[in-house]
């Protein structure tokens, strides 16, 4: 039986590259390729730039 949780997905393409995003209700934790955003980007400023459109 399916739950009624809203999951939003999006895909962006440019040349051969493909980026996919999935937004689910939760705590606001951001993961990139299975790692926390700070570990992936390395600097808080880059994390802020990536998450700014979500605020």
C-alpha atoms as a PDB file:
ATOM      1  CA  UNK A   1       0.000   0.000   0.000  1.00  0.00           C
ATOM      2  CA  UNK A   2       1.392   3.426  -0.954  1.00  0.00           C
ATOM      3  CA  UNK A   3       1.719   6.174   1.634  1.00  0.00           C
ATOM      4  CA  UNK A   4       0.495   9.693   0.866  1.00  0.00           C
ATOM      5  CA  UNK A   5       3.869  11.426   1.271  1.00  0.00           C
ATOM      6  CA  UNK A   6       4.562  14.003  -1.435  1.00  0.00           C
ATOM      7  CA  UNK A   7       7.844  13.414  -3.262  1.00  0.00           C
ATOM      8  CA  UNK A   8       8.935  15.930  -5.874  1.00  0.00           C
ATOM      9  CA  UNK A   9      11.485  14.973  -8.505  1.00  0.00           C
ATOM     10  CA  UNK A  10      13.289  16.996 -11.137  1.00  0.00           C
ATOM     11  CA  UNK A  11      15.860  16.397 -13.848  1.00  0.00           C
ATOM     12  CA  UNK A  12      18.264  18.846 -15.450  1.00  0.00           C
ATOM     13  CA  UNK A  13      20.347  18.085 -18.521  1.00  0.00           C
ATOM     14  CA  UNK A  14      23.164  19.844 -20.329  1.00  0.00           C
ATOM     15  CA  UNK A  15      25.159  18.174 -23.086  1.00  0.00           C
ATOM     16  CA  UNK A  16      25.892  14.686 -21.724  1.00  0.00           C
ATOM     17  CA  UNK A  17      25.464  15.569 -18.038  1.00  0.00           C
ATOM     18  CA  UNK A  18      22.331  14.682 -16.088  1.00  0.00           C
ATOM     19  CA  UNK A  19      21.439  16.000 -12.627  1.00  0.00           C
ATOM     20  CA  UNK A  20      18.528  14.585 -10.649  1.00  0.00           C
ATOM     21  CA  UNK A  21      16.966  15.893  -7.463  1.00  0.00           C
ATOM     22  CA  UNK A  22      14.375  14.407  -5.128  1.00  0.00           C
ATOM     23  CA  UNK A  23      12.628  16.533  -2.493  1.00  0.00           C
ATOM     24  CA  UNK A  24      10.869  14.780   0.362  1.00  0.00           C
ATOM     25  CA  UNK A  25       9.394  16.172   3.580  1.00  0.00           C
ATOM     26  CA  UNK A  26      11.851  15.920   6.445  1.00  0.00           C
ATOM     27  CA  UNK A  27      14.332  17.719   8.634  1.00  0.00           C
ATOM     28  CA  UNK A  28      15.999  19.788   5.911  1.00  0.00           C
ATOM     29  CA  UNK A  29      19.103  17.592   5.692  1.00  0.00           C
ATOM     30  CA  UNK A  30      20.802  17.887   2.294  1.00  0.00           C
ATOM     31  CA  UNK A  31      22.712  14.944   0.835  1.00  0.00           C
ATOM     32  CA  UNK A  32      24.756  14.891  -2.374  1.00  0.00           C
ATOM     33  CA  UNK A  33      25.820  11.523  -3.786  1.00  0.00           C
ATOM     34  CA  UNK A  34      25.127   9.896  -0.412  1.00  0.00           C
ATOM     35  CA  UNK A  35      27.262  12.359   1.584  1.00  0.00           C
ATOM     36  CA  UNK A  36      26.272  15.338   3.702  1.00  0.00           C
ATOM     37  CA  UNK A  37      26.438  18.619   1.793  1.00  0.00           C
ATOM     38  CA  UNK A  38      29.299  20.051   3.891  1.00  0.00           C
ATOM     39  CA  UNK A  39      31.433  16.964   3.249  1.00  0.00           C
ATOM     40  CA  UNK A  40      30.672  17.009  -0.475  1.00  0.00           C
ATOM     41  CA  UNK A  41      31.193  20.733  -1.134  1.00  0.00           C
ATOM     42  CA  UNK A  42      33.933  21.295   1.453  1.00  0.00           C
ATOM     43  CA  UNK A  43      32.977  24.905   2.312  1.00  0.00           C
ATOM     44  CA  UNK A  44      29.873  26.314   3.971  1.00  0.00           C
ATOM     45  CA  UNK A  45      29.624  29.107   1.392  1.00  0.00           C
ATOM     46  CA  UNK A  46      29.170  26.530  -1.387  1.00  0.00           C
ATOM     47  CA  UNK A  47      26.504  24.723   0.641  1.00  0.00           C
ATOM     48  CA  UNK A  48      24.682  28.032   1.147  1.00  0.00           C
ATOM     49  CA  UNK A  49      24.805  28.722  -2.607  1.00  0.00           C
ATOM     50  CA  UNK A  50      23.388  25.283  -3.398  1.00  0.00           C
ATOM     51  CA  UNK A  51      20.566  25.462  -0.845  1.00  0.00           C
ATOM     52  CA  UNK A  52      19.574  29.133  -1.314  1.00  0.00           C
ATOM     53  CA  UNK A  53      16.817  28.384  -3.883  1.00  0.00           C
ATOM     54  CA  UNK A  54      15.197  25.993  -1.397  1.00  0.00           C
ATOM     55  CA  UNK A  55      14.682  28.679   1.250  1.00  0.00           C
END
